[in-house]
Amino acid sequence: MNQLLFLGNLGTGEIIIIAVLVLLLFGGKKIPELMKGLGKGIRNFKDGVKGIEDDINLNDTNTTK
């Protein structure tokens, strides 16, 4: 499975071209800030999903008693 799931049929060459374009558009100094924001967003999303799962599990536990 050499393909990344969310990238579909993009090959290595296409991914390199996209990376170079992102580097040219945002510059080397802005990319770490963008990745930090992306990481925080993913972390918040996972925390939200976990909170919802915990609420569902708590409700299931309360209704079975």
N, C-alpha and C. Protein backbone atom coordinates (compact mmCIF):
# COMPACT_ATOMS: atom_id res chain seq x y z
N MET A 1 0.85 -1.18 0.00
CA MET A 1 0.00 0.00 0.00
C MET A 1 0.89 1.23 0.00
N ASN A 2 1.33 1.62 -1.17
CA ASN A 2 2.24 2.76 -1.31
C ASN A 2 1.53 4.10 -1.35
N GLN A 3 0.22 4.09 -1.42
CA GLN A 3 -0.53 5.34 -1.52
C GLN A 3 -1.01 5.77 -0.15
N LEU A 4 -1.00 7.07 0.05
CA LEU A 4 -1.62 7.60 1.25
C LEU A 4 -3.11 7.63 1.01
N LEU A 5 -3.88 7.25 2.00
CA LEU A 5 -5.32 7.09 1.83
C LEU A 5 -6.00 8.37 1.38
N PHE A 6 -5.66 9.50 1.98
CA PHE A 6 -6.36 10.74 1.67
C PHE A 6 -5.86 11.43 0.40
N LEU A 7 -4.79 10.94 -0.20
CA LEU A 7 -4.25 11.57 -1.39
C LEU A 7 -4.66 10.87 -2.68
N GLY A 8 -5.36 9.77 -2.58
CA GLY A 8 -5.85 9.09 -3.77
C GLY A 8 -4.74 8.53 -4.62
N ASN A 9 -4.71 8.90 -5.89
CA ASN A 9 -3.76 8.34 -6.84
C ASN A 9 -2.55 9.24 -7.11
N LEU A 10 -2.24 10.13 -6.18
CA LEU A 10 -1.08 10.98 -6.38
C LEU A 10 0.20 10.17 -6.17
N GLY A 11 1.11 10.34 -7.09
CA GLY A 11 2.39 9.64 -6.98
C GLY A 11 3.42 10.50 -6.26
N THR A 12 4.62 9.99 -6.16
CA THR A 12 5.69 10.69 -5.47
C THR A 12 6.03 12.00 -6.17
N GLY A 13 6.06 11.99 -7.48
CA GLY A 13 6.37 13.20 -8.24
C GLY A 13 5.37 14.31 -7.99
N GLU A 14 4.10 13.96 -7.99
CA GLU A 14 3.06 14.96 -7.75
C GLU A 14 3.15 15.53 -6.34
N ILE A 15 3.44 14.66 -5.38
CA ILE A 15 3.55 15.12 -3.99
C ILE A 15 4.74 16.07 -3.84
N ILE A 16 5.85 15.78 -4.52
CA ILE A 16 7.02 16.66 -4.47
C ILE A 16 6.69 18.00 -5.10
N ILE A 17 5.99 18.00 -6.21
CA ILE A 17 5.60 19.25 -6.87
C ILE A 17 4.71 20.08 -5.95
N ILE A 18 3.75 19.45 -5.30
CA ILE A 18 2.86 20.15 -4.37
C ILE A 18 3.67 20.73 -3.21
N ALA A 19 4.61 19.96 -2.68
CA ALA A 19 5.44 20.44 -1.57
C ALA A 19 6.27 21.66 -1.99
N VAL A 20 6.82 21.63 -3.19
CA VAL A 20 7.61 22.77 -3.69
C VAL A 20 6.72 23.99 -3.86
N LEU A 21 5.51 23.80 -4.39
CA LEU A 21 4.58 24.92 -4.56
C LEU A 21 4.20 25.52 -3.22
N VAL A 22 3.94 24.69 -2.24
CA VAL A 22 3.61 25.19 -0.90
C VAL A 22 4.79 25.98 -0.34
N LEU A 23 6.00 25.46 -0.52
CA LEU A 23 7.19 26.16 -0.05
C LEU A 23 7.34 27.52 -0.74
N LEU A 24 7.09 27.57 -2.03
CA LEU A 24 7.19 28.84 -2.75
C LEU A 24 6.10 29.82 -2.34
N LEU A 25 4.89 29.32 -2.13
CA LEU A 25 3.78 30.21 -1.78
C LEU A 25 3.90 30.76 -0.36
N PHE A 26 4.26 29.94 0.58
CA PHE A 26 4.24 30.36 1.97
C PHE A 26 5.61 30.72 2.53
N GLY A 27 6.66 30.27 1.90
CA GLY A 27 8.00 30.56 2.38
C GLY A 27 8.40 29.62 3.51
N GLY A 28 9.68 29.52 3.73
CA GLY A 28 10.21 28.59 4.72
C GLY A 28 9.87 28.94 6.15
N LYS A 29 9.71 30.23 6.45
CA LYS A 29 9.43 30.63 7.82
C LYS A 29 7.96 30.46 8.20
N LYS A 30 7.09 30.52 7.25
CA LYS A 30 5.65 30.44 7.54
C LYS A 30 5.16 29.00 7.67
N ILE A 31 5.82 28.05 7.05
CA ILE A 31 5.38 26.65 7.06
C ILE A 31 5.34 26.06 8.47
N PRO A 32 6.37 26.27 9.32
CA PRO A 32 6.26 25.72 10.68
C PRO A 32 5.06 26.27 11.45
N GLU A 33 4.74 27.54 11.25
CA GLU A 33 3.57 28.13 11.91
C GLU A 33 2.29 27.47 11.40
N LEU A 34 2.22 27.22 10.10
CA LEU A 34 1.05 26.57 9.53
C LEU A 34 0.90 25.15 10.07
N MET A 35 2.01 24.43 10.16
CA MET A 35 1.96 23.05 10.67
C MET A 35 1.59 23.03 12.15
N LYS A 36 2.06 24.02 12.91
CA LYS A 36 1.70 24.11 14.32
C LYS A 36 0.20 24.33 14.46
N GLY A 37 -0.35 25.22 13.65
CA GLY A 37 -1.79 25.46 13.68
C GLY A 37 -2.57 24.23 13.25
N LEU A 38 -2.08 23.53 12.26
CA LEU A 38 -2.73 22.30 11.80
C LEU A 38 -2.70 21.25 12.90
N GLY A 39 -1.57 21.12 13.58
CA GLY A 39 -1.47 20.16 14.68
C GLY A 39 -2.43 20.48 15.81
N LYS A 40 -2.55 21.77 16.14
CA LYS A 40 -3.50 22.17 17.19
C LYS A 40 -4.93 21.87 16.76
N GLY A 41 -5.24 22.12 15.50
CA GLY A 41 -6.58 21.84 15.00
C GLY A 41 -6.91 20.35 15.06
N ILE A 42 -5.97 19.53 14.67
CA ILE A 42 -6.18 18.07 14.71
C ILE A 42 -6.35 17.62 16.16
N ARG A 43 -5.52 18.15 17.06
CA ARG A 43 -5.61 17.79 18.48
C ARG A 43 -6.98 18.18 19.05
N ASN A 44 -7.45 19.40 18.72
CA ASN A 44 -8.77 19.83 19.19
C ASN A 44 -9.87 18.95 18.64
N PHE A 45 -9.76 18.57 17.39
CA PHE A 45 -10.75 17.69 16.77
C PHE A 45 -10.79 16.34 17.48
N LYS A 46 -9.61 15.76 17.72
CA LYS A 46 -9.54 14.46 18.42
C LYS A 46 -10.10 14.57 19.83
N ASP A 47 -9.79 15.67 20.53
CA ASP A 47 -10.33 15.86 21.87
C ASP A 47 -11.85 15.97 21.84
N GLY A 48 -12.37 16.65 20.84
CA GLY A 48 -13.82 16.76 20.69
C GLY A 48 -14.47 15.42 20.42
N VAL A 49 -13.87 14.63 19.55
CA VAL A 49 -14.40 13.30 19.25
C VAL A 49 -14.35 12.43 20.49
N LYS A 50 -13.25 12.50 21.23
CA LYS A 50 -13.13 11.71 22.46
C LYS A 50 -14.18 12.14 23.48
N GLY A 51 -14.43 13.44 23.58
CA GLY A 51 -15.46 13.93 24.50
C GLY A 51 -16.83 13.40 24.13
N ILE A 52 -17.14 13.37 22.85
CA ILE A 52 -18.42 12.85 22.40
C ILE A 52 -18.52 11.36 22.69
N GLU A 53 -17.44 10.63 22.43
CA GLU A 53 -17.43 9.19 22.72
C GLU A 53 -17.62 8.94 24.21
N ASP A 54 -16.96 9.75 25.05
CA ASP A 54 -17.11 9.60 26.50
C ASP A 54 -18.55 9.87 26.92
N ASP A 55 -19.19 10.90 26.34
CA ASP A 55 -20.58 11.20 26.65
C ASP A 55 -21.50 10.05 26.25
N ILE A 56 -21.25 9.49 25.08
CA ILE A 56 -22.07 8.37 24.61
C ILE A 56 -21.91 7.17 25.53
N ASN A 57 -20.66 6.86 25.90
CA ASN A 57 -20.40 5.73 26.79
C ASN A 57 -21.02 5.97 28.17
N LEU A 58 -20.98 7.20 28.66
CA LEU A 58 -21.57 7.53 29.95
C LEU A 58 -23.09 7.36 29.88
N ASN A 59 -23.71 7.81 28.79
CA ASN A 59 -25.15 7.67 28.63
C ASN A 59 -25.54 6.20 28.51
N ASP A 60 -24.74 5.41 27.81
CA ASP A 60 -25.02 3.98 27.69
C ASP A 60 -24.93 3.30 29.04
N THR A 61 -23.95 3.70 29.85
CA THR A 61 -23.78 3.11 31.18
C THR A 61 -24.95 3.49 32.08
N ASN A 62 -25.41 4.73 31.99
CA ASN A 62 -26.51 5.18 32.82
C ASN A 62 -27.84 4.54 32.42
N THR A 63 -28.05 4.27 31.15
CA THR A 63 -29.33 3.71 30.70
C THR A 63 -29.41 2.21 30.96
N THR A 64 -28.27 1.54 31.10
CA THR A 64 -28.29 0.10 31.33
C THR A 64 -28.45 -0.24 32.81
N LYS A 65 -28.32 0.74 33.67
CA LYS A 65 -28.45 0.47 35.12
C LYS A 65 -29.89 0.39 35.54
